Structures are given as C-alpha cells and as structure tokens.
Amino acid sequence: MGKVLDAALMPFPPATPVTVYDSCLRMVFLKTVLTLITRRFQMAEALSANRSILIFLE
C-alpha cells in the first residue's frame, strides 16, 4: 500500500512544474484510493461481525 500512496503523491519528477490541474487529479486519485481502502476495512469489519453473530447463535 505504501507504494500506491508514494505513486499518488509523486507521480511526476521533481523538475516538472506542477499545475493546478495536476494537483486536482492527484487529489481525486488520493480520495479514490482512500475510499477504496476504507470500504475494504468496513467490509472486513462487517464480515467479522457476521461471523461473530453466527458463532454466538450456534
């Protein structure tokens, strides 16, 4: 996951001037990555909660 965030934060070489358009694209990409990560964690929490309920009911 660290490599993905590094790529999102620094997709251009330092010599390249960063425009407003580039930074907007970077923010959209970061927001998308963070949304996917949080959804994955929420799904994992929901699955573990369902397992706990099923084990409790048995």
PDB file of N, CA and C in Angstrom:
ATOM      1  N   MET A   1       0.828  -1.194   0.000  1.00  0.00           N
ATOM      2  CA  MET A   1       0.000   0.000   0.000  1.00  0.00           C
ATOM      3  C   MET A   1       0.868   1.252   0.000  1.00  0.00           C
ATOM      4  N   GLY A   2       2.044   1.184   0.610  1.00  0.00           N
ATOM      5  CA  GLY A   2       2.932   2.335   0.646  1.00  0.00           C
ATOM      6  C   GLY A   2       3.353   2.783  -0.737  1.00  0.00           C
ATOM      7  N   LYS A   3       3.574   1.817  -1.630  1.00  0.00           N
ATOM      8  CA  LYS A   3       3.986   2.160  -2.990  1.00  0.00           C
ATOM      9  C   LYS A   3       2.878   2.899  -3.723  1.00  0.00           C
ATOM     10  N   VAL A   4       1.628   2.499  -3.470  1.00  0.00           N
ATOM     11  CA  VAL A   4       0.499   3.172  -4.125  1.00  0.00           C
ATOM     12  C   VAL A   4       0.418   4.620  -3.672  1.00  0.00           C
ATOM     13  N   LEU A   5       0.566   4.848  -2.376  1.00  0.00           N
ATOM     14  CA  LEU A   5       0.500   6.223  -1.870  1.00  0.00           C
ATOM     15  C   LEU A   5       1.687   7.045  -2.354  1.00  0.00           C
ATOM     16  N   ASP A   6       2.879   6.428  -2.419  1.00  0.00           N
ATOM     17  CA  ASP A   6       4.039   7.143  -2.952  1.00  0.00           C
ATOM     18  C   ASP A   6       3.794   7.542  -4.399  1.00  0.00           C
ATOM     19  N   ALA A   7       3.233   6.627  -5.181  1.00  0.00           N
ATOM     20  CA  ALA A   7       2.955   6.930  -6.582  1.00  0.00           C
ATOM     21  C   ALA A   7       1.912   8.036  -6.700  1.00  0.00           C
ATOM     22  N   ALA A   8       0.946   8.044  -5.790  1.00  0.00           N
ATOM     23  CA  ALA A   8      -0.092   9.075  -5.840  1.00  0.00           C
ATOM     24  C   ALA A   8       0.464  10.437  -5.445  1.00  0.00           C
ATOM     25  N   LEU A   9       1.371  10.437  -4.486  1.00  0.00           N
ATOM     26  CA  LEU A   9       1.912  11.709  -4.017  1.00  0.00           C
ATOM     27  C   LEU A   9       2.967  12.269  -4.957  1.00  0.00           C
ATOM     28  N   MET A  10       3.687  11.414  -5.659  1.00  0.00           N
ATOM     29  CA  MET A  10       4.782  11.893  -6.502  1.00  0.00           C
ATOM     30  C   MET A  10       4.764  11.222  -7.873  1.00  0.00           C
ATOM     31  N   PRO A  11       3.715  11.437  -8.686  1.00  0.00           N
ATOM     32  CA  PRO A  11       3.693  10.802  -9.997  1.00  0.00           C
ATOM     33  C   PRO A  11       4.590  11.492 -11.026  1.00  0.00           C
ATOM     34  N   PHE A  12       5.053  12.694 -10.718  1.00  0.00           N
ATOM     35  CA  PHE A  12       5.871  13.457 -11.657  1.00  0.00           C
ATOM     36  C   PHE A  12       7.265  13.644 -11.078  1.00  0.00           C
ATOM     37  N   PRO A  13       8.273  13.737 -11.931  1.00  0.00           N
ATOM     38  CA  PRO A  13       9.609  14.055 -11.421  1.00  0.00           C
ATOM     39  C   PRO A  13       9.616  15.446 -10.792  1.00  0.00           C
ATOM     40  N   PRO A  14      10.503  15.683  -9.825  1.00  0.00           N
ATOM     41  CA  PRO A  14      10.515  16.986  -9.141  1.00  0.00           C
ATOM     42  C   PRO A  14      10.746  18.172 -10.070  1.00  0.00           C
ATOM     43  N   ALA A  15      11.426  17.956 -11.198  1.00  0.00           N
ATOM     44  CA  ALA A  15      11.720  19.067 -12.105  1.00  0.00           C
ATOM     45  C   ALA A  15      10.471  19.535 -12.856  1.00  0.00           C
ATOM     46  N   THR A  16       9.452  18.690 -12.920  1.00  0.00           N
ATOM     47  CA  THR A  16       8.239  19.038 -13.653  1.00  0.00           C
ATOM     48  C   THR A  16       7.419  20.049 -12.856  1.00  0.00           C
ATOM     49  N   PRO A  17       7.057  21.175 -13.456  1.00  0.00           N
ATOM     50  CA  PRO A  17       6.200  22.116 -12.721  1.00  0.00           C
ATOM     51  C   PRO A  17       4.808  21.517 -12.523  1.00  0.00           C
ATOM     52  N   VAL A  18       4.313  21.601 -11.319  1.00  0.00           N
ATOM     53  CA  VAL A  18       3.002  21.034 -11.005  1.00  0.00           C
ATOM     54  C   VAL A  18       1.951  22.118 -11.189  1.00  0.00           C
ATOM     55  N   THR A  19       1.002  21.856 -12.044  1.00  0.00           N
ATOM     56  CA  THR A  19      -0.062  22.827 -12.293  1.00  0.00           C
ATOM     57  C   THR A  19      -1.252  22.534 -11.380  1.00  0.00           C
ATOM     58  N   VAL A  20      -2.213  23.437 -11.401  1.00  0.00           N
ATOM     59  CA  VAL A  20      -3.427  23.240 -10.600  1.00  0.00           C
ATOM     60  C   VAL A  20      -4.162  21.995 -11.079  1.00  0.00           C
ATOM     61  N   TYR A  21      -4.170  21.779 -12.388  1.00  0.00           N
ATOM     62  CA  TYR A  21      -4.844  20.608 -12.955  1.00  0.00           C
ATOM     63  C   TYR A  21      -4.214  19.316 -12.437  1.00  0.00           C
ATOM     64  N   ASP A  22      -2.871  19.272 -12.401  1.00  0.00           N
ATOM     65  CA  ASP A  22      -2.168  18.090 -11.899  1.00  0.00           C
ATOM     66  C   ASP A  22      -2.507  17.833 -10.437  1.00  0.00           C
ATOM     67  N   SER A  23      -2.527  18.885  -9.633  1.00  0.00           N
ATOM     68  CA  SER A  23      -2.801  18.695  -8.213  1.00  0.00           C
ATOM     69  C   SER A  23      -4.253  18.271  -7.995  1.00  0.00           C
ATOM     70  N   CYS A  24      -5.175  18.748  -8.835  1.00  0.00           N
ATOM     71  CA  CYS A  24      -6.573  18.311  -8.725  1.00  0.00           C
ATOM     72  C   CYS A  24      -6.692  16.834  -9.065  1.00  0.00           C
ATOM     73  N   LEU A  25      -6.011  16.411 -10.126  1.00  0.00           N
ATOM     74  CA  LEU A  25      -6.025  14.991 -10.484  1.00  0.00           C
ATOM     75  C   LEU A  25      -5.438  14.147  -9.365  1.00  0.00           C
ATOM     76  N   ARG A  26      -4.368  14.641  -8.769  1.00  0.00           N
ATOM     77  CA  ARG A  26      -3.725  13.912  -7.677  1.00  0.00           C
ATOM     78  C   ARG A  26      -4.668  13.781  -6.482  1.00  0.00           C
ATOM     79  N   MET A  27      -5.389  14.862  -6.159  1.00  0.00           N
ATOM     80  CA  MET A  27      -6.328  14.820  -5.037  1.00  0.00           C
ATOM     81  C   MET A  27      -7.474  13.847  -5.316  1.00  0.00           C
ATOM     82  N   VAL A  28      -7.976  13.846  -6.551  1.00  0.00           N
ATOM     83  CA  VAL A  28      -9.051  12.914  -6.909  1.00  0.00           C
ATOM     84  C   VAL A  28      -8.554  11.482  -6.791  1.00  0.00           C
ATOM     85  N   PHE A  29      -7.327  11.234  -7.260  1.00  0.00           N
ATOM     86  CA  PHE A  29      -6.764   9.887  -7.187  1.00  0.00           C
ATOM     87  C   PHE A  29      -6.590   9.459  -5.737  1.00  0.00           C
ATOM     88  N   LEU A  30      -6.049  10.351  -4.904  1.00  0.00           N
ATOM     89  CA  LEU A  30      -5.861  10.027  -3.483  1.00  0.00           C
ATOM     90  C   LEU A  30      -7.194   9.753  -2.797  1.00  0.00           C
ATOM     91  N   LYS A  31      -8.195  10.566  -3.099  1.00  0.00           N
ATOM     92  CA  LYS A  31      -9.509  10.375  -2.479  1.00  0.00           C
ATOM     93  C   LYS A  31     -10.096   9.028  -2.891  1.00  0.00           C
ATOM     94  N   THR A  32      -9.918   8.658  -4.162  1.00  0.00           N
ATOM     95  CA  THR A  32     -10.419   7.367  -4.638  1.00  0.00           C
ATOM     96  C   THR A  32      -9.714   6.221  -3.939  1.00  0.00           C
ATOM     97  N   VAL A  33      -8.390   6.310  -3.813  1.00  0.00           N
ATOM     98  CA  VAL A  33      -7.623   5.253  -3.148  1.00  0.00           C
ATOM     99  C   VAL A  33      -8.051   5.130  -1.692  1.00  0.00           C
ATOM    100  N   LEU A  34      -8.175   6.252  -1.005  1.00  0.00           N
ATOM    101  CA  LEU A  34      -8.572   6.210   0.407  1.00  0.00           C
ATOM    102  C   LEU A  34      -9.991   5.668   0.575  1.00  0.00           C
ATOM    103  N   THR A  35     -10.887   6.010  -0.350  1.00  0.00           N
ATOM    104  CA  THR A  35     -12.252   5.482  -0.284  1.00  0.00           C
ATOM    105  C   THR A  35     -12.256   3.973  -0.452  1.00  0.00           C
ATOM    106  N   LEU A  36     -11.467   3.470  -1.406  1.00  0.00           N
ATOM    107  CA  LEU A  36     -11.404   2.020  -1.612  1.00  0.00           C
ATOM    108  C   LEU A  36     -10.839   1.315  -0.389  1.00  0.00           C
ATOM    109  N   ILE A  37      -9.814   1.907   0.223  1.00  0.00           N
ATOM    110  CA  ILE A  37      -9.201   1.295   1.412  1.00  0.00           C
ATOM    111  C   ILE A  37     -10.198   1.263   2.562  1.00  0.00           C
ATOM    112  N   THR A  38     -10.904   2.371   2.796  1.00  0.00           N
ATOM    113  CA  THR A  38     -11.853   2.395   3.913  1.00  0.00           C
ATOM    114  C   THR A  38     -13.021   1.452   3.660  1.00  0.00           C
ATOM    115  N   ARG A  39     -13.469   1.341   2.410  1.00  0.00           N
ATOM    116  CA  ARG A  39     -14.545   0.388   2.107  1.00  0.00           C
ATOM    117  C   ARG A  39     -14.094  -1.035   2.384  1.00  0.00           C
ATOM    118  N   ARG A  40     -12.856  -1.339   2.033  1.00  0.00           N
ATOM    119  CA  ARG A  40     -12.341  -2.689   2.258  1.00  0.00           C
ATOM    120  C   ARG A  40     -12.322  -3.000   3.752  1.00  0.00           C
ATOM    121  N   PHE A  41     -11.890  -2.027   4.564  1.00  0.00           N
ATOM    122  CA  PHE A  41     -11.874  -2.240   6.016  1.00  0.00           C
ATOM    123  C   PHE A  41     -13.296  -2.384   6.558  1.00  0.00           C
ATOM    124  N   GLN A  42     -14.227  -1.591   6.053  1.00  0.00           N
ATOM    125  CA  GLN A  42     -15.613  -1.691   6.514  1.00  0.00           C
ATOM    126  C   GLN A  42     -16.205  -3.047   6.159  1.00  0.00           C
ATOM    127  N   MET A  43     -15.884  -3.557   4.961  1.00  0.00           N
ATOM    128  CA  MET A  43     -16.377  -4.879   4.562  1.00  0.00           C
ATOM    129  C   MET A  43     -15.801  -5.948   5.479  1.00  0.00           C
ATOM    130  N   ALA A  44     -14.516  -5.834   5.807  1.00  0.00           N
ATOM    131  CA  ALA A  44     -13.879  -6.813   6.692  1.00  0.00           C
ATOM    132  C   ALA A  44     -14.518  -6.778   8.076  1.00  0.00           C
ATOM    133  N   GLU A  45     -14.807  -5.583   8.578  1.00  0.00           N
ATOM    134  CA  GLU A  45     -15.460  -5.465   9.888  1.00  0.00           C
ATOM    135  C   GLU A  45     -16.860  -6.065   9.850  1.00  0.00           C
ATOM    136  N   ALA A  46     -17.592  -5.833   8.781  1.00  0.00           N
ATOM    137  CA  ALA A  46     -18.944  -6.383   8.667  1.00  0.00           C
ATOM    138  C   ALA A  46     -18.900  -7.904   8.606  1.00  0.00           C
ATOM    139  N   LEU A  47     -17.946  -8.451   7.855  1.00  0.00           N
ATOM    140  CA  LEU A  47     -17.831  -9.907   7.761  1.00  0.00           C
ATOM    141  C   LEU A  47     -17.470 -10.520   9.104  1.00  0.00           C
ATOM    142  N   SER A  48     -16.547  -9.900   9.830  1.00  0.00           N
ATOM    143  CA  SER A  48     -16.166 -10.454  11.128  1.00  0.00           C
ATOM    144  C   SER A  48     -17.324 -10.337  12.118  1.00  0.00           C
ATOM    145  N   ALA A  49     -18.116  -9.271  12.027  1.00  0.00           N
ATOM    146  CA  ALA A  49     -19.284  -9.133  12.902  1.00  0.00           C
ATOM    147  C   ALA A  49     -20.315 -10.211  12.583  1.00  0.00           C
ATOM    148  N   ASN A  50     -20.517 -10.483  11.293  1.00  0.00           N
ATOM    149  CA  ASN A  50     -21.461 -11.537  10.908  1.00  0.00           C
ATOM    150  C   ASN A  50     -20.989 -12.890  11.410  1.00  0.00           C
ATOM    151  N   ARG A  51     -19.693 -13.155  11.308  1.00  0.00           N
ATOM    152  CA  ARG A  51     -19.153 -14.421  11.807  1.00  0.00           C
ATOM    153  C   ARG A  51     -19.368 -14.537  13.308  1.00  0.00           C
ATOM    154  N   SER A  52     -19.138 -13.446  14.024  1.00  0.00           N
ATOM    155  CA  SER A  52     -19.318 -13.469  15.479  1.00  0.00           C
ATOM    156  C   SER A  52     -20.766 -13.779  15.842  1.00  0.00           C
ATOM    157  N   ILE A  53     -21.695 -13.187  15.113  1.00  0.00           N
ATOM    158  CA  ILE A  53     -23.118 -13.437  15.385  1.00  0.00           C
ATOM    159  C   ILE A  53     -23.456 -14.897  15.103  1.00  0.00           C
ATOM    160  N   LEU A  54     -22.940 -15.422  13.979  1.00  0.00           N
ATOM    161  CA  LEU A  54     -23.227 -16.816  13.638  1.00  0.00           C
ATOM    162  C   LEU A  54     -22.647 -17.769  14.674  1.00  0.00           C
ATOM    163  N   ILE A  55     -21.434 -17.491  15.127  1.00  0.00           N
ATOM    164  CA  ILE A  55     -20.813 -18.341  16.149  1.00  0.00           C
ATOM    165  C   ILE A  55     -21.614 -18.258  17.443  1.00  0.00           C
ATOM    166  N   PHE A  56     -22.072 -17.069  17.783  1.00  0.00           N
ATOM    167  CA  PHE A  56     -22.854 -16.885  19.011  1.00  0.00           C
ATOM    168  C   PHE A  56     -24.180 -17.649  18.933  1.00  0.00           C
ATOM    169  N   LEU A  57     -24.802 -17.639  17.754  1.00  0.00           N
ATOM    170  CA  LEU A  57     -26.097 -18.308  17.599  1.00  0.00           C
ATOM    171  C   LEU A  57     -25.969 -19.829  17.629  1.00  0.00           C
ATOM    172  N   GLU A  58     -24.815 -20.343  17.241  1.00  0.00           N
ATOM    173  CA  GLU A  58     -24.614 -21.794  17.284  1.00  0.00           C
ATOM    174  C   GLU A  58     -24.527 -22.213  18.720  1.00  0.00           C
TER     175      GLU A  58
END
